[in-house]
């Protein structure tokens, strides 16, 4: 246990289990999807409308940031699975952690704490907002820190988990400033802007998932993985062939729509 993590956790944990109200507020901030991601996505949509109507390059940055955030979460999960397992502070016996009121000792059991997915996602979005508006980016960064500290307070993450998550999130957020990637985003945005119904439906779905920290998608992915593991090869073929047919039909329909629009 390094001194940085230990000193900060011991300081914050000294306030735990003293006030039911303080523990409840910290617990709610650390687990509420609207507080954690919904506010940031509200800022995203504000920036999309406010700064994007007359500045196309800013909309390209915001669209690229959506893609960067999804990639950042995937990278964070791969790191958590690849690096040595790190137990959550609330279950670390060497810390003698005092559990706040309302906390559950089984929270995120068997999930490595390093790096913080929440910090990665939050600060990837913050970076995108910073590129569009410095004032908005500063406000989002302050808010991002305010929503990450409670996760240390309730024992979900170590401070170094959060610091590593911030660094990774900012790095991934800057990824789509690379000209070649910006060009890809710009081309995709130009295509989708011809079909605004599809564009805004897609943006809504993406920002909804980011707002809830991809929780719904994770649940479906876990369910899908468990289902595949339980199916026999014959059952997999029975499911896979119809799915392939549906995919080919969808691709054919998209090609037809493109040909129809060009004509």
Protein backbone atom coordinates (compact mmCIF):
# COMPACT_ATOMS: atom_id res chain seq x y z
CA UNK A 1 0.00 0.00 0.00
CA UNK A 2 1.61 3.28 -1.11
CA UNK A 3 1.54 6.36 1.12
CA UNK A 4 -0.48 8.41 -1.39
CA UNK A 5 -3.43 6.04 -1.41
CA UNK A 6 -3.19 5.27 2.28
CA UNK A 7 -3.06 8.88 3.49
CA UNK A 8 -5.99 10.08 1.33
CA UNK A 9 -8.19 7.07 2.10
CA UNK A 10 -7.51 7.31 5.83
CA UNK A 11 -8.34 11.03 5.78
CA UNK A 12 -11.63 10.59 3.90
CA UNK A 13 -12.53 7.45 5.83
CA UNK A 14 -12.15 9.32 9.12
CA UNK A 15 -15.50 11.01 8.33
CA UNK A 16 -17.30 7.74 7.55
CA UNK A 17 -19.93 6.24 9.86
CA UNK A 18 -20.27 9.49 11.81
CA UNK A 19 -23.17 11.09 9.95
CA UNK A 20 -25.90 9.13 8.23
CA UNK A 21 -26.64 12.17 6.02
CA UNK A 22 -23.03 12.59 4.82
CA UNK A 23 -22.66 8.88 4.10
CA UNK A 24 -26.00 8.82 2.25
CA UNK A 25 -25.04 11.82 0.09
CA UNK A 26 -21.63 10.35 -0.77
CA UNK A 27 -23.18 6.98 -1.53
CA UNK A 28 -25.84 8.49 -3.77
CA UNK A 29 -23.34 10.61 -5.71
CA UNK A 30 -21.12 7.57 -6.27
CA UNK A 31 -23.94 5.39 -7.63
CA UNK A 32 -26.55 7.63 -9.27
CA UNK A 33 -26.38 7.53 -13.08
CA UNK A 34 -27.94 10.96 -13.59
CA UNK A 35 -25.45 12.60 -11.23
CA UNK A 36 -22.47 10.68 -12.60
CA UNK A 37 -23.16 10.75 -16.33
CA UNK A 38 -26.48 12.45 -17.00
CA UNK A 39 -25.25 15.93 -16.12
CA UNK A 40 -22.20 15.55 -18.38
CA UNK A 41 -24.39 14.43 -21.28
CA UNK A 42 -26.66 17.43 -20.65
CA UNK A 43 -23.56 19.60 -21.09
CA UNK A 44 -22.71 17.64 -24.25
CA UNK A 45 -26.10 18.37 -25.83
CA UNK A 46 -25.89 22.01 -24.79
CA UNK A 47 -22.48 22.28 -26.46
CA UNK A 48 -23.75 20.45 -29.57
CA UNK A 49 -26.52 22.99 -30.07
CA UNK A 50 -24.83 26.14 -28.74
CA UNK A 51 -21.39 25.76 -30.35
CA UNK A 52 -22.10 23.40 -33.21
CA UNK A 53 -24.62 25.31 -35.30
CA UNK A 54 -22.05 27.72 -36.74
CA UNK A 55 -18.82 25.78 -36.09
CA UNK A 56 -18.77 22.46 -37.86
CA UNK A 57 -15.32 21.55 -36.54
CA UNK A 58 -16.72 21.64 -33.01
CA UNK A 59 -19.45 19.18 -33.91
CA UNK A 60 -16.79 16.94 -35.40
CA UNK A 61 -14.87 17.12 -32.10
CA UNK A 62 -18.00 16.27 -30.11
CA UNK A 63 -18.93 13.39 -32.42
CA UNK A 64 -15.37 12.10 -32.21
CA UNK A 65 -15.52 12.37 -28.44
CA UNK A 66 -18.50 10.01 -28.35
CA UNK A 67 -16.42 7.42 -30.21
CA UNK A 68 -13.38 8.12 -28.04
CA UNK A 69 -15.41 7.62 -24.85
CA UNK A 70 -16.65 4.21 -25.98
CA UNK A 71 -13.09 3.21 -26.92
CA UNK A 72 -11.76 4.53 -23.60
CA UNK A 73 -14.15 2.36 -21.59
CA UNK A 74 -13.13 -0.71 -23.61
CA UNK A 75 -9.42 0.04 -23.06
CA UNK A 76 -10.03 0.55 -19.33
CA UNK A 77 -11.81 -2.83 -19.06
CA UNK A 78 -9.02 -4.58 -20.98
CA UNK A 79 -6.44 -3.05 -18.64
CA UNK A 80 -8.44 -4.10 -15.58
CA UNK A 81 -8.60 -7.68 -16.90
CA UNK A 82 -4.93 -7.78 -17.99
CA UNK A 83 -3.21 -6.14 -15.02
CA UNK A 84 -2.80 -7.87 -11.63
CA UNK A 85 -6.06 -7.96 -9.68
CA UNK A 86 -6.53 -5.11 -7.20
CA UNK A 87 -9.09 -5.50 -4.43
CA UNK A 88 -11.47 -2.65 -3.64
CA UNK A 89 -10.45 -0.54 -0.62
CA UNK A 90 -13.62 -1.41 1.32
CA UNK A 91 -12.53 -5.10 1.33
CA UNK A 92 -8.79 -4.52 1.87
CA UNK A 93 -7.98 -5.87 5.37
CA UNK A 94 -4.76 -3.84 5.69
CA UNK A 95 -6.72 -0.58 5.50
CA UNK A 96 -9.12 -1.38 8.36
CA UNK A 97 -11.71 0.48 6.30
CA UNK A 98 -14.75 1.84 8.15
CA UNK A 99 -17.77 1.10 6.00
CA UNK A 100 -20.05 4.17 5.59
CA UNK A 101 -23.74 3.87 6.45
CA UNK A 102 -25.68 2.20 3.64
CA UNK A 103 -22.62 0.71 1.94
CA UNK A 104 -22.57 -2.90 0.80
CA UNK A 105 -19.44 -4.97 1.36
CA UNK A 106 -20.31 -7.05 -1.74
CA UNK A 107 -20.17 -4.02 -4.06
CA UNK A 108 -18.34 -4.83 -7.32
CA UNK A 109 -16.99 -8.07 -5.90
CA UNK A 110 -14.42 -9.80 -8.16
CA UNK A 111 -14.02 -6.60 -10.19
CA UNK A 112 -10.50 -5.15 -10.14
CA UNK A 113 -10.47 -1.50 -9.07
CA UNK A 114 -7.59 -0.32 -11.32
CA UNK A 115 -8.11 1.83 -13.33
CA UNK A 116 -11.36 3.63 -12.51
CA UNK A 117 -13.83 3.18 -15.39
CA UNK A 118 -15.82 6.11 -14.02
CA UNK A 119 -12.82 8.45 -14.10
CA UNK A 120 -11.85 7.28 -17.60
CA UNK A 121 -15.32 7.94 -18.98
CA UNK A 122 -15.83 11.21 -17.10
CA UNK A 123 -12.56 12.82 -18.14
CA UNK A 124 -12.75 11.61 -21.71
CA UNK A 125 -16.04 13.54 -21.97
CA UNK A 126 -14.50 16.48 -20.08
CA UNK A 127 -11.67 16.60 -22.63
CA UNK A 128 -14.14 16.78 -25.50
CA UNK A 129 -16.04 19.62 -23.83
CA UNK A 130 -12.74 21.42 -23.13
CA UNK A 131 -11.86 21.32 -26.83
CA UNK A 132 -15.18 22.96 -27.66
CA UNK A 133 -15.27 25.55 -24.86
CA UNK A 134 -12.61 26.29 -22.24
CA UNK A 135 -15.14 27.55 -19.70
CA UNK A 136 -17.39 24.56 -20.23
CA UNK A 137 -14.40 22.24 -19.95
CA UNK A 138 -13.27 23.77 -16.65
CA UNK A 139 -16.79 23.50 -15.19
CA UNK A 140 -17.04 19.88 -16.38
CA UNK A 141 -13.60 19.04 -14.91
CA UNK A 142 -14.57 20.44 -11.50
CA UNK A 143 -17.81 18.48 -11.65
CA UNK A 144 -15.93 15.36 -12.72
CA UNK A 145 -13.61 15.59 -9.72
CA UNK A 146 -16.59 16.18 -7.43
CA UNK A 147 -18.23 12.94 -8.63
CA UNK A 148 -15.04 10.86 -8.37
CA UNK A 149 -14.06 11.78 -4.80
CA UNK A 150 -17.17 10.09 -3.30
CA UNK A 151 -16.08 6.84 -4.94
CA UNK A 152 -12.92 6.99 -2.85
CA UNK A 153 -14.96 7.92 0.22
CA UNK A 154 -17.21 4.84 -0.04
CA UNK A 155 -14.25 2.55 -0.73
CA UNK A 156 -14.90 1.68 -4.38
CA UNK A 157 -11.59 3.11 -5.65
CA UNK A 158 -8.12 4.09 -4.50
CA UNK A 159 -6.92 7.61 -5.38
CA UNK A 160 -4.39 6.14 -7.83
CA UNK A 161 -7.26 4.33 -9.59
CA UNK A 162 -8.87 7.71 -10.19
CA UNK A 163 -5.61 9.42 -11.21
CA UNK A 164 -4.84 6.66 -13.72
CA UNK A 165 -8.42 6.89 -15.01
CA UNK A 166 -8.10 10.66 -15.49
CA UNK A 167 -4.83 10.29 -17.43
CA UNK A 168 -6.26 7.54 -19.65
CA UNK A 169 -9.51 9.45 -20.19
CA UNK A 170 -7.73 12.66 -21.22
CA UNK A 171 -5.38 10.73 -23.53
CA UNK A 172 -8.27 8.95 -25.25
CA UNK A 173 -10.21 12.22 -25.44
CA UNK A 174 -7.33 13.82 -27.36
CA UNK A 175 -7.17 10.88 -29.78
CA UNK A 176 -9.68 12.28 -32.24
CA UNK A 177 -7.70 15.47 -32.69
CA UNK A 178 -5.40 13.42 -34.90
CA UNK A 179 -6.11 14.67 -38.46
CA UNK A 180 -6.66 11.22 -39.99
CA UNK A 181 -9.22 10.27 -37.34
CA UNK A 182 -10.85 13.72 -37.57
CA UNK A 183 -11.29 13.18 -41.30
CA UNK A 184 -13.01 9.83 -40.69
CA UNK A 185 -15.37 11.43 -38.17
CA UNK A 186 -16.02 14.34 -40.51
CA UNK A 187 -16.87 12.02 -43.40
CA UNK A 188 -19.18 9.93 -41.22
CA UNK A 189 -20.89 13.02 -39.86
CA UNK A 190 -21.37 14.45 -43.35
CA UNK A 191 -23.04 11.21 -44.44
CA UNK A 192 -25.32 10.99 -41.39
CA UNK A 193 -26.31 14.64 -41.62
CA UNK A 194 -28.17 13.75 -44.83
CA UNK A 195 -30.35 11.52 -42.64
CA UNK A 196 -30.93 13.60 -39.49
CA UNK A 197 -33.44 11.13 -38.05
CA UNK A 198 -30.77 8.40 -38.03
CA UNK A 199 -28.07 10.79 -36.80
CA UNK A 200 -30.01 12.00 -33.77
CA UNK A 201 -31.37 8.56 -32.96
CA UNK A 202 -27.79 7.26 -32.92
CA UNK A 203 -26.53 10.19 -30.85
CA UNK A 204 -29.34 9.71 -28.35
CA UNK A 205 -28.55 6.00 -27.97
CA UNK A 206 -24.83 6.69 -27.52
CA UNK A 207 -25.27 9.52 -25.02
CA UNK A 208 -27.84 7.46 -23.10
CA UNK A 209 -25.32 4.65 -22.69
CA UNK A 210 -22.60 7.08 -21.64
CA UNK A 211 -24.96 8.70 -19.14
CA UNK A 212 -25.51 5.37 -17.41
CA UNK A 213 -21.85 4.36 -17.73
CA UNK A 214 -22.65 1.67 -20.35
CA UNK A 215 -24.36 -0.36 -17.62
CA UNK A 216 -27.16 -1.67 -19.88
CA UNK A 217 -24.68 -2.62 -22.58
CA UNK A 218 -22.48 -4.43 -20.05
CA UNK A 219 -25.43 -6.42 -18.75
CA UNK A 220 -26.40 -7.46 -22.28
CA UNK A 221 -22.78 -8.35 -23.09
CA UNK A 222 -22.47 -10.50 -19.96
CA UNK A 223 -25.80 -12.19 -20.73
CA UNK A 224 -24.72 -12.83 -24.31
CA UNK A 225 -21.36 -14.27 -23.24
CA UNK A 226 -22.98 -16.57 -20.70
CA UNK A 227 -25.57 -17.69 -23.25
CA UNK A 228 -22.91 -18.51 -25.85
CA UNK A 229 -20.94 -20.50 -23.28
CA UNK A 230 -24.01 -22.60 -22.46
CA UNK A 231 -25.09 -23.28 -26.05
CA UNK A 232 -24.06 -26.35 -28.00
CA UNK A 233 -22.43 -25.98 -31.46
CA UNK A 234 -25.74 -26.98 -33.09
CA UNK A 235 -27.66 -24.35 -31.17
CA UNK A 236 -25.04 -21.73 -32.07
CA UNK A 237 -25.48 -22.54 -35.77
CA UNK A 238 -29.26 -22.36 -35.41
CA UNK A 239 -28.96 -18.85 -34.00
CA UNK A 240 -25.97 -17.65 -36.03
CA UNK A 241 -27.37 -18.37 -39.50
CA UNK A 242 -30.59 -16.30 -39.04
CA UNK A 243 -28.53 -13.47 -37.54
CA UNK A 244 -26.21 -13.55 -40.55
CA UNK A 245 -29.21 -13.39 -42.91
CA UNK A 246 -30.63 -10.42 -40.99
CA UNK A 247 -27.25 -8.65 -41.12
CA UNK A 248 -26.93 -9.20 -44.86
CA UNK A 249 -30.47 -7.91 -45.40
CA UNK A 250 -29.69 -4.82 -43.33
CA UNK A 251 -26.52 -4.14 -45.32
CA UNK A 252 -28.43 -4.62 -48.59
CA UNK A 253 -31.11 -2.19 -47.44
CA UNK A 254 -28.48 0.42 -46.54
CA UNK A 255 -26.83 0.04 -49.94
CA UNK A 256 -30.21 0.45 -51.63
CA UNK A 257 -30.94 3.60 -49.61
CA UNK A 258 -27.55 5.01 -50.60
CA UNK A 259 -28.16 4.24 -54.28
CA UNK A 260 -31.66 5.74 -54.06
CA UNK A 261 -30.32 8.96 -52.46
CA UNK A 262 -27.58 9.28 -55.11
CA UNK A 263 -30.11 8.84 -57.92
